Amino acid sequence: MMYGYGGGMGWAWVFGLLAVVGLALLVVLMVRLFAGGVDRNTPAPPNAQDPRTTPPGVPGRSRAHEILDERFARGELTVEQYREQLRVLGEGV
């Protein structure tokens, strides 16, 4: 007999959904833990904020510097022009 409670299921689907979400989070946590994840205790490398040693696309290096690097790599600028432009930007060698 149902007695008006919709077959006896009630809110059981919510607990099932929470169990699936919890299991997914546990799997993600385990993968990150065993794959190395992010180690927040690792010190930054020396000169990490030096724009001359920061790789492209990393915060701390200006977009203008990246453009200069690209133009120099394509041969559009000589060494003297490149260094002069860096000096003007305040990032000179």
PDB file of N, CA and C in Angstrom:
ATOM      1  N   MET A   1       0.825  -1.181   0.000  1.00  0.00           N
ATOM      2  CA  MET A   1       0.000   0.000   0.000  1.00  0.00           C
ATOM      3  C   MET A   1       0.872   1.248   0.000  1.00  0.00           C
ATOM      4  N   MET A   2       0.393   2.266  -0.729  1.00  0.00           N
ATOM      5  CA  MET A   2       1.199   3.469  -0.866  1.00  0.00           C
ATOM      6  C   MET A   2       0.864   4.515   0.180  1.00  0.00           C
ATOM      7  N   TYR A   3      -0.315   4.606   0.597  1.00  0.00           N
ATOM      8  CA  TYR A   3      -0.771   5.584   1.587  1.00  0.00           C
ATOM      9  C   TYR A   3      -0.452   7.019   1.196  1.00  0.00           C
ATOM     10  N   GLY A   4      -0.376   7.319  -0.111  1.00  0.00           N
ATOM     11  CA  GLY A   4      -0.205   8.701  -0.555  1.00  0.00           C
ATOM     12  C   GLY A   4       1.212   9.231  -0.494  1.00  0.00           C
ATOM     13  N   TYR A   5       2.237   8.392  -0.368  1.00  0.00           N
ATOM     14  CA  TYR A   5       3.614   8.876  -0.273  1.00  0.00           C
ATOM     15  C   TYR A   5       4.407   8.660  -1.558  1.00  0.00           C
ATOM     16  N   GLY A   6       3.782   8.418  -2.667  1.00  0.00           N
ATOM     17  CA  GLY A   6       4.449   8.311  -3.948  1.00  0.00           C
ATOM     18  C   GLY A   6       5.308   7.073  -4.103  1.00  0.00           C
ATOM     19  N   GLY A   7       4.899   5.970  -3.607  1.00  0.00           N
ATOM     20  CA  GLY A   7       5.631   4.732  -3.807  1.00  0.00           C
ATOM     21  C   GLY A   7       6.712   4.484  -2.785  1.00  0.00           C
ATOM     22  N   GLY A   8       6.851   5.304  -1.802  1.00  0.00           N
ATOM     23  CA  GLY A   8       7.818   5.065  -0.744  1.00  0.00           C
ATOM     24  C   GLY A   8       9.220   5.588  -1.026  1.00  0.00           C
ATOM     25  N   MET A   9       9.461   6.206  -2.198  1.00  0.00           N
ATOM     26  CA  MET A   9      10.803   6.694  -2.521  1.00  0.00           C
ATOM     27  C   MET A   9      11.116   8.004  -1.800  1.00  0.00           C
ATOM     28  N   GLY A  10      10.189   8.893  -1.737  1.00  0.00           N
ATOM     29  CA  GLY A  10      10.403  10.163  -1.049  1.00  0.00           C
ATOM     30  C   GLY A  10      11.602  10.921  -1.575  1.00  0.00           C
ATOM     31  N   TRP A  11      12.492  11.294  -0.680  1.00  0.00           N
ATOM     32  CA  TRP A  11      13.676  12.077  -1.024  1.00  0.00           C
ATOM     33  C   TRP A  11      14.914  11.204  -1.223  1.00  0.00           C
ATOM     34  N   ALA A  12      14.761   9.947  -1.419  1.00  0.00           N
ATOM     35  CA  ALA A  12      15.897   9.043  -1.550  1.00  0.00           C
ATOM     36  C   ALA A  12      16.770   9.400  -2.753  1.00  0.00           C
ATOM     37  N   TRP A  13      16.197   9.958  -3.810  1.00  0.00           N
ATOM     38  CA  TRP A  13      16.981  10.322  -4.987  1.00  0.00           C
ATOM     39  C   TRP A  13      18.009  11.403  -4.658  1.00  0.00           C
ATOM     40  N   VAL A  14      17.704  12.279  -3.690  1.00  0.00           N
ATOM     41  CA  VAL A  14      18.646  13.331  -3.288  1.00  0.00           C
ATOM     42  C   VAL A  14      19.877  12.696  -2.657  1.00  0.00           C
ATOM     43  N   PHE A  15      19.683  11.709  -1.810  1.00  0.00           N
ATOM     44  CA  PHE A  15      20.811  11.036  -1.175  1.00  0.00           C
ATOM     45  C   PHE A  15      21.645  10.279  -2.206  1.00  0.00           C
ATOM     46  N   GLY A  16      21.003   9.712  -3.195  1.00  0.00           N
ATOM     47  CA  GLY A  16      21.726   9.037  -4.275  1.00  0.00           C
ATOM     48  C   GLY A  16      22.572  10.009  -5.074  1.00  0.00           C
ATOM     49  N   LEU A  17      22.002  11.169  -5.379  1.00  0.00           N
ATOM     50  CA  LEU A  17      22.730  12.199  -6.106  1.00  0.00           C
ATOM     51  C   LEU A  17      23.919  12.700  -5.293  1.00  0.00           C
ATOM     52  N   LEU A  18      23.713  12.935  -4.015  1.00  0.00           N
ATOM     53  CA  LEU A  18      24.809  13.376  -3.148  1.00  0.00           C
ATOM     54  C   LEU A  18      25.910  12.318  -3.069  1.00  0.00           C
ATOM     55  N   ALA A  19      25.539  11.058  -3.057  1.00  0.00           N
ATOM     56  CA  ALA A  19      26.535   9.983  -3.016  1.00  0.00           C
ATOM     57  C   ALA A  19      27.363   9.977  -4.297  1.00  0.00           C
ATOM     58  N   VAL A  20      26.741  10.173  -5.440  1.00  0.00           N
ATOM     59  CA  VAL A  20      27.473  10.198  -6.717  1.00  0.00           C
ATOM     60  C   VAL A  20      28.422  11.394  -6.759  1.00  0.00           C
ATOM     61  N   VAL A  21      27.958  12.561  -6.342  1.00  0.00           N
ATOM     62  CA  VAL A  21      28.800  13.755  -6.325  1.00  0.00           C
ATOM     63  C   VAL A  21      29.963  13.562  -5.349  1.00  0.00           C
ATOM     64  N   GLY A  22      29.691  13.019  -4.198  1.00  0.00           N
ATOM     65  CA  GLY A  22      30.747  12.761  -3.219  1.00  0.00           C
ATOM     66  C   GLY A  22      31.787  11.788  -3.743  1.00  0.00           C
ATOM     67  N   LEU A  23      31.346  10.753  -4.430  1.00  0.00           N
ATOM     68  CA  LEU A  23      32.265   9.778  -5.006  1.00  0.00           C
ATOM     69  C   LEU A  23      33.130  10.433  -6.086  1.00  0.00           C
ATOM     70  N   ALA A  24      32.534  11.277  -6.906  1.00  0.00           N
ATOM     71  CA  ALA A  24      33.292  11.977  -7.952  1.00  0.00           C
ATOM     72  C   ALA A  24      34.348  12.891  -7.331  1.00  0.00           C
ATOM     73  N   LEU A  25      33.992  13.616  -6.280  1.00  0.00           N
ATOM     74  CA  LEU A  25      34.950  14.482  -5.603  1.00  0.00           C
ATOM     75  C   LEU A  25      36.079  13.670  -4.977  1.00  0.00           C
ATOM     76  N   LEU A  26      35.756  12.526  -4.429  1.00  0.00           N
ATOM     77  CA  LEU A  26      36.770  11.654  -3.838  1.00  0.00           C
ATOM     78  C   LEU A  26      37.747  11.164  -4.913  1.00  0.00           C
ATOM     79  N   VAL A  27      37.236  10.803  -6.071  1.00  0.00           N
ATOM     80  CA  VAL A  27      38.099  10.348  -7.163  1.00  0.00           C
ATOM     81  C   VAL A  27      39.022  11.483  -7.610  1.00  0.00           C
ATOM     82  N   VAL A  28      38.484  12.687  -7.769  1.00  0.00           N
ATOM     83  CA  VAL A  28      39.305  13.829  -8.174  1.00  0.00           C
ATOM     84  C   VAL A  28      40.383  14.106  -7.138  1.00  0.00           C
ATOM     85  N   LEU A  29      40.035  14.071  -5.880  1.00  0.00           N
ATOM     86  CA  LEU A  29      40.994  14.301  -4.806  1.00  0.00           C
ATOM     87  C   LEU A  29      42.101  13.261  -4.821  1.00  0.00           C
ATOM     88  N   MET A  30      41.751  12.006  -5.005  1.00  0.00           N
ATOM     89  CA  MET A  30      42.741  10.932  -5.019  1.00  0.00           C
ATOM     90  C   MET A  30      43.670  11.070  -6.225  1.00  0.00           C
ATOM     91  N   VAL A  31      43.126  11.428  -7.385  1.00  0.00           N
ATOM     92  CA  VAL A  31      43.958  11.601  -8.578  1.00  0.00           C
ATOM     93  C   VAL A  31      44.951  12.732  -8.362  1.00  0.00           C
ATOM     94  N   ARG A  32      44.483  13.847  -7.827  1.00  0.00           N
ATOM     95  CA  ARG A  32      45.385  14.983  -7.581  1.00  0.00           C
ATOM     96  C   ARG A  32      46.433  14.640  -6.542  1.00  0.00           C
ATOM     97  N   LEU A  33      46.053  13.890  -5.534  1.00  0.00           N
ATOM     98  CA  LEU A  33      46.982  13.525  -4.481  1.00  0.00           C
ATOM     99  C   LEU A  33      48.080  12.615  -5.012  1.00  0.00           C
ATOM    100  N   PHE A  34      47.710  11.612  -5.787  1.00  0.00           N
ATOM    101  CA  PHE A  34      48.681  10.645  -6.268  1.00  0.00           C
ATOM    102  C   PHE A  34      49.422  11.117  -7.516  1.00  0.00           C
ATOM    103  N   ALA A  35      48.892  12.100  -8.221  1.00  0.00           N
ATOM    104  CA  ALA A  35      49.553  12.617  -9.416  1.00  0.00           C
ATOM    105  C   ALA A  35      50.512  13.749  -9.077  1.00  0.00           C
ATOM    106  N   GLY A  36      50.629  14.115  -7.850  1.00  0.00           N
ATOM    107  CA  GLY A  36      51.543  15.171  -7.444  1.00  0.00           C
ATOM    108  C   GLY A  36      50.817  16.448  -7.095  1.00  0.00           C
ATOM    109  N   GLY A  37      49.793  16.783  -7.855  1.00  0.00           N
ATOM    110  CA  GLY A  37      48.990  17.971  -7.573  1.00  0.00           C
ATOM    111  C   GLY A  37      49.827  19.231  -7.529  1.00  0.00           C
ATOM    112  N   VAL A  38      49.378  20.197  -6.782  1.00  0.00           N
ATOM    113  CA  VAL A  38      50.053  21.470  -6.637  1.00  0.00           C
ATOM    114  C   VAL A  38      50.705  21.503  -5.269  1.00  0.00           C
ATOM    115  N   ASP A  39      52.008  21.729  -5.256  1.00  0.00           N
ATOM    116  CA  ASP A  39      52.733  21.806  -3.988  1.00  0.00           C
ATOM    117  C   ASP A  39      52.923  23.267  -3.631  1.00  0.00           C
ATOM    118  N   ARG A  40      52.125  23.755  -2.707  1.00  0.00           N
ATOM    119  CA  ARG A  40      52.183  25.161  -2.338  1.00  0.00           C
ATOM    120  C   ARG A  40      53.383  25.479  -1.455  1.00  0.00           C
ATOM    121  N   ASN A  41      54.116  24.488  -0.983  1.00  0.00           N
ATOM    122  CA  ASN A  41      55.259  24.722  -0.111  1.00  0.00           C
ATOM    123  C   ASN A  41      56.569  24.843  -0.874  1.00  0.00           C
ATOM    124  N   THR A  42      56.544  24.673  -2.194  1.00  0.00           N
ATOM    125  CA  THR A  42      57.751  24.783  -2.988  1.00  0.00           C
ATOM    126  C   THR A  42      58.112  26.251  -3.146  1.00  0.00           C
ATOM    127  N   PRO A  43      59.343  26.627  -2.802  1.00  0.00           N
ATOM    128  CA  PRO A  43      59.727  28.031  -2.939  1.00  0.00           C
ATOM    129  C   PRO A  43      59.829  28.422  -4.403  1.00  0.00           C
ATOM    130  N   ALA A  44      59.629  29.695  -4.658  1.00  0.00           N
ATOM    131  CA  ALA A  44      59.725  30.216  -6.024  1.00  0.00           C
ATOM    132  C   ALA A  44      61.182  30.176  -6.464  1.00  0.00           C
ATOM    133  N   PRO A  45      61.419  29.970  -7.755  1.00  0.00           N
ATOM    134  CA  PRO A  45      62.799  29.970  -8.236  1.00  0.00           C
ATOM    135  C   PRO A  45      63.403  31.351  -8.099  1.00  0.00           C
ATOM    136  N   PRO A  46      64.738  31.447  -8.042  1.00  0.00           N
ATOM    137  CA  PRO A  46      65.357  32.765  -7.929  1.00  0.00           C
ATOM    138  C   PRO A  46      64.987  33.640  -9.119  1.00  0.00           C
ATOM    139  N   ASN A  47      64.872  34.926  -8.877  1.00  0.00           N
ATOM    140  CA  ASN A  47      64.524  35.911  -9.911  1.00  0.00           C
ATOM    141  C   ASN A  47      63.201  35.593 -10.585  1.00  0.00           C
ATOM    142  N   ALA A  48      62.237  35.075  -9.853  1.00  0.00           N
ATOM    143  CA  ALA A  48      60.952  34.698 -10.441  1.00  0.00           C
ATOM    144  C   ALA A  48      60.199  35.910 -10.972  1.00  0.00           C
ATOM    145  N   GLN A  49      60.439  37.095 -10.411  1.00  0.00           N
ATOM    146  CA  GLN A  49      59.739  38.290 -10.857  1.00  0.00           C
ATOM    147  C   GLN A  49      60.558  39.113 -11.844  1.00  0.00           C
ATOM    148  N   ASP A  50      61.759  38.662 -12.192  1.00  0.00           N
ATOM    149  CA  ASP A  50      62.599  39.385 -13.139  1.00  0.00           C
ATOM    150  C   ASP A  50      62.030  39.210 -14.542  1.00  0.00           C
ATOM    151  N   PRO A  51      61.557  40.287 -15.187  1.00  0.00           N
ATOM    152  CA  PRO A  51      60.915  40.140 -16.491  1.00  0.00           C
ATOM    153  C   PRO A  51      61.853  39.585 -17.561  1.00  0.00           C
ATOM    154  N   ARG A  52      63.164  39.746 -17.375  1.00  0.00           N
ATOM    155  CA  ARG A  52      64.095  39.236 -18.386  1.00  0.00           C
ATOM    156  C   ARG A  52      64.235  37.725 -18.323  1.00  0.00           C
ATOM    157  N   THR A  53      63.919  37.115 -17.180  1.00  0.00           N
ATOM    158  CA  THR A  53      64.063  35.667 -17.039  1.00  0.00           C
ATOM    159  C   THR A  53      62.722  34.955 -16.957  1.00  0.00           C
ATOM    160  N   THR A  54      61.629  35.701 -17.006  1.00  0.00           N
ATOM    161  CA  THR A  54      60.295  35.107 -16.925  1.00  0.00           C
ATOM    162  C   THR A  54      59.866  34.623 -18.295  1.00  0.00           C
ATOM    163  N   PRO A  55      59.452  33.373 -18.439  1.00  0.00           N
ATOM    164  CA  PRO A  55      59.022  32.872 -19.746  1.00  0.00           C
ATOM    165  C   PRO A  55      57.791  33.602 -20.256  1.00  0.00           C
ATOM    166  N   PRO A  56      57.568  33.596 -21.579  1.00  0.00           N
ATOM    167  CA  PRO A  56      56.395  34.273 -22.140  1.00  0.00           C
ATOM    168  C   PRO A  56      55.094  33.717 -21.576  1.00  0.00           C
ATOM    169  N   GLY A  57      54.114  34.576 -21.424  1.00  0.00           N
ATOM    170  CA  GLY A  57      52.805  34.163 -20.947  1.00  0.00           C
ATOM    171  C   GLY A  57      52.701  34.076 -19.441  1.00  0.00           C
ATOM    172  N   VAL A  58      53.797  34.336 -18.739  1.00  0.00           N
ATOM    173  CA  VAL A  58      53.802  34.259 -17.282  1.00  0.00           C
ATOM    174  C   VAL A  58      53.607  35.664 -16.730  1.00  0.00           C
ATOM    175  N   PRO A  59      52.758  35.821 -15.708  1.00  0.00           N
ATOM    176  CA  PRO A  59      52.578  37.145 -15.121  1.00  0.00           C
ATOM    177  C   PRO A  59      53.914  37.718 -14.647  1.00  0.00           C
ATOM    178  N   GLY A  60      54.105  39.000 -14.804  1.00  0.00           N
ATOM    179  CA  GLY A  60      55.348  39.631 -14.419  1.00  0.00           C
ATOM    180  C   GLY A  60      56.105  40.131 -15.648  1.00  0.00           C
ATOM    181  N   ARG A  61      55.816  39.586 -16.814  1.00  0.00           N
ATOM    182  CA  ARG A  61      56.437  40.025 -18.056  1.00  0.00           C
ATOM    183  C   ARG A  61      55.395  40.824 -18.822  1.00  0.00           C
ATOM    184  N   SER A  62      55.784  42.012 -19.249  1.00  0.00           N
ATOM    185  CA  SER A  62      54.816  42.875 -19.934  1.00  0.00           C
ATOM    186  C   SER A  62      54.525  42.353 -21.334  1.00  0.00           C
ATOM    187  N   ARG A  63      53.365  42.708 -21.834  1.00  0.00           N
ATOM    188  CA  ARG A  63      52.972  42.308 -23.185  1.00  0.00           C
ATOM    189  C   ARG A  63      53.888  42.972 -24.214  1.00  0.00           C
ATOM    190  N   ALA A  64      54.318  44.211 -23.933  1.00  0.00           N
ATOM    191  CA  ALA A  64      55.225  44.901 -24.840  1.00  0.00           C
ATOM    192  C   ALA A  64      56.539  44.137 -24.966  1.00  0.00           C
ATOM    193  N   HIS A  65      57.031  43.610 -23.864  1.00  0.00           N
ATOM    194  CA  HIS A  65      58.268  42.821 -23.884  1.00  0.00           C
ATOM    195  C   HIS A  65      58.070  41.554 -24.716  1.00  0.00           C
ATOM    196  N   GLU A  66      56.929  40.915 -24.574  1.00  0.00           N
ATOM    197  CA  GLU A  66      56.652  39.716 -25.361  1.00  0.00           C
ATOM    198  C   GLU A  66      56.616  40.035 -26.852  1.00  0.00           C
ATOM    199  N   ILE A  67      56.016  41.174 -27.206  1.00  0.00           N
ATOM    200  CA  ILE A  67      55.953  41.571 -28.618  1.00  0.00           C
ATOM    201  C   ILE A  67      57.354  41.839 -29.150  1.00  0.00           C
ATOM    202  N   LEU A  68      58.174  42.524 -28.352  1.00  0.00           N
ATOM    203  CA  LEU A  68      59.553  42.761 -28.768  1.00  0.00           C
ATOM    204  C   LEU A  68      60.299  41.452 -28.989  1.00  0.00           C
ATOM    205  N   ASP A  69      60.114  40.499 -28.060  1.00  0.00           N
ATOM    206  CA  ASP A  69      60.758  39.195 -28.206  1.00  0.00           C
ATOM    207  C   ASP A  69      60.331  38.517 -29.507  1.00  0.00           C
ATOM    208  N   GLU A  70      59.038  38.585 -29.809  1.00  0.00           N
ATOM    209  CA  GLU A  70      58.534  37.965 -31.039  1.00  0.00           C
ATOM    210  C   GLU A  70      59.124  38.640 -32.273  1.00  0.00           C
ATOM    211  N   ARG A  71      59.173  39.982 -32.267  1.00  0.00           N
ATOM    212  CA  ARG A  71      59.724  40.703 -33.420  1.00  0.00           C
ATOM    213  C   ARG A  71      61.212  40.418 -33.582  1.00  0.00           C
ATOM    214  N   PHE A  72      61.932  40.337 -32.479  1.00  0.00           N
ATOM    215  CA  PHE A  72      63.360  40.026 -32.544  1.00  0.00           C
ATOM    216  C   PHE A  72      63.578  38.605 -33.073  1.00  0.00           C
ATOM    217  N   ALA A  73      62.737  37.671 -32.626  1.00  0.00           N
ATOM    218  CA  ALA A  73      62.853  36.287 -33.082  1.00  0.00           C
ATOM    219  C   ALA A  73      62.561  36.167 -34.576  1.00  0.00           C
ATOM    220  N   ARG A  74      61.660  37.003 -35.102  1.00  0.00           N
ATOM    221  CA  ARG A  74      61.341  36.969 -36.536  1.00  0.00           C
ATOM    222  C   ARG A  74      62.379  37.710 -37.372  1.00  0.00           C
ATOM    223  N   GLY A  75      63.315  38.400 -36.720  1.00  0.00           N
ATOM    224  CA  GLY A  75      64.355  39.126 -37.451  1.00  0.00           C
ATOM    225  C   GLY A  75      63.955  40.527 -37.852  1.00  0.00           C
ATOM    226  N   GLU A  76      62.875  41.050 -37.294  1.00  0.00           N
ATOM    227  CA  GLU A  76      62.422  42.391 -37.632  1.00  0.00           C
ATOM    228  C   GLU A  76      63.243  43.467 -36.925  1.00  0.00           C
ATOM    229  N   LEU A  77      63.944  43.102 -35.846  1.00  0.00           N
ATOM    230  CA  LEU A  77      64.747  44.046 -35.084  1.00  0.00           C
ATOM    231  C   LEU A  77      66.186  43.558 -35.007  1.00  0.00           C
ATOM    232  N   THR A  78      67.121  44.523 -35.021  1.00  0.00           N
ATOM    233  CA  THR A  78      68.515  44.166 -34.767  1.00  0.00           C
ATOM    234  C   THR A  78      68.711  44.089 -33.262  1.00  0.00           C
ATOM    235  N   VAL A  79      69.887  43.609 -32.859  1.00  0.00           N
ATOM    236  CA  VAL A  79      70.194  43.507 -31.431  1.00  0.00           C
ATOM    237  C   VAL A  79      70.166  44.900 -30.798  1.00  0.00           C
ATOM    238  N   GLU A  80      70.720  45.883 -31.495  1.00  0.00           N
ATOM    239  CA  GLU A  80      70.752  47.247 -30.957  1.00  0.00           C
ATOM    240  C   GLU A  80      69.340  47.818 -30.798  1.00  0.00           C
ATOM    241  N   GLN A  81      68.490  47.606 -31.823  1.00  0.00           N
ATOM    242  CA  GLN A  81      67.111  48.091 -31.743  1.00  0.00           C
ATOM    243  C   GLN A  81      66.362  47.410 -30.601  1.00  0.00           C
ATOM    244  N   TYR A  82      66.571  46.119 -30.463  1.00  0.00           N
ATOM    245  CA  TYR A  82      65.900  45.353 -29.398  1.00  0.00           C
ATOM    246  C   TYR A  82      66.289  45.891 -28.022  1.00  0.00           C
ATOM    247  N   ARG A  83      67.592  46.051 -27.815  1.00  0.00           N
ATOM    248  CA  ARG A  83      68.068  46.546 -26.506  1.00  0.00           C
ATOM    249  C   ARG A  83      67.589  47.967 -26.227  1.00  0.00           C
ATOM    250  N   GLU A  84      67.561  48.801 -27.263  1.00  0.00           N
ATOM    251  CA  GLU A  84      67.083  50.175 -27.090  1.00  0.00           C
ATOM    252  C   GLU A  84      65.612  50.194 -26.693  1.00  0.00           C
ATOM    253  N   GLN A  85      64.818  49.367 -27.348  1.00  0.00           N
ATOM    254  CA  GLN A  85      63.384  49.304 -27.019  1.00  0.00           C
ATOM    255  C   GLN A  85      63.182  48.785 -25.593  1.00  0.00           C
ATOM    256  N   LEU A  86      63.961  47.793 -25.180  1.00  0.00           N
ATOM    257  CA  LEU A  86      63.860  47.305 -23.797  1.00  0.00           C
ATOM    258  C   LEU A  86      64.229  48.398 -22.805  1.00  0.00           C
ATOM    259  N   ARG A  87      65.268  49.177 -23.145  1.00  0.00           N
ATOM    260  CA  ARG A  87      65.683  50.264 -22.263  1.00  0.00           C
ATOM    261  C   ARG A  87      64.569  51.303 -22.142  1.00  0.00           C
ATOM    262  N   VAL A  88      63.910  51.606 -23.245  1.00  0.00           N
ATOM    263  CA  VAL A  88      62.809  52.572 -23.248  1.00  0.00           C
ATOM    264  C   VAL A  88      61.653  52.051 -22.381  1.00  0.00           C
ATOM    265  N   LEU A  89      61.413  50.753 -22.444  1.00  0.00           N
ATOM    266  CA  LEU A  89      60.349  50.161 -21.631  1.00  0.00           C
ATOM    267  C   LEU A  89      60.712  50.066 -20.144  1.00  0.00           C
ATOM    268  N   GLY A  90      61.994  50.280 -19.837  1.00  0.00           N
ATOM    269  CA  GLY A  90      62.432  50.161 -18.454  1.00  0.00           C
ATOM    270  C   GLY A  90      62.714  48.718 -18.083  1.00  0.00           C
ATOM    271  N   GLU A  91      62.845  47.857 -19.079  1.00  0.00           N
ATOM    272  CA  GLU A  91      63.134  46.454 -18.832  1.00  0.00           C
ATOM    273  C   GLU A  91      64.461  46.075 -19.470  1.00  0.00           C
ATOM    274  N   GLY A  92      65.303  47.079 -19.698  1.00  0.00           N
ATOM    275  CA  GLY A  92      66.549  46.862 -20.424  1.00  0.00           C
ATOM    276  C   GLY A  92      67.544  46.009 -19.697  1.00  0.00           C
ATOM    277  N   VAL A  93      68.458  45.493 -20.504  1.00  0.00           N
ATOM    278  CA  VAL A  93      69.507  44.621 -19.984  1.00  0.00           C
ATOM    279  C   VAL A  93      70.663  45.458 -19.545  1.00  0.00           C
TER     280      VAL A  93
END
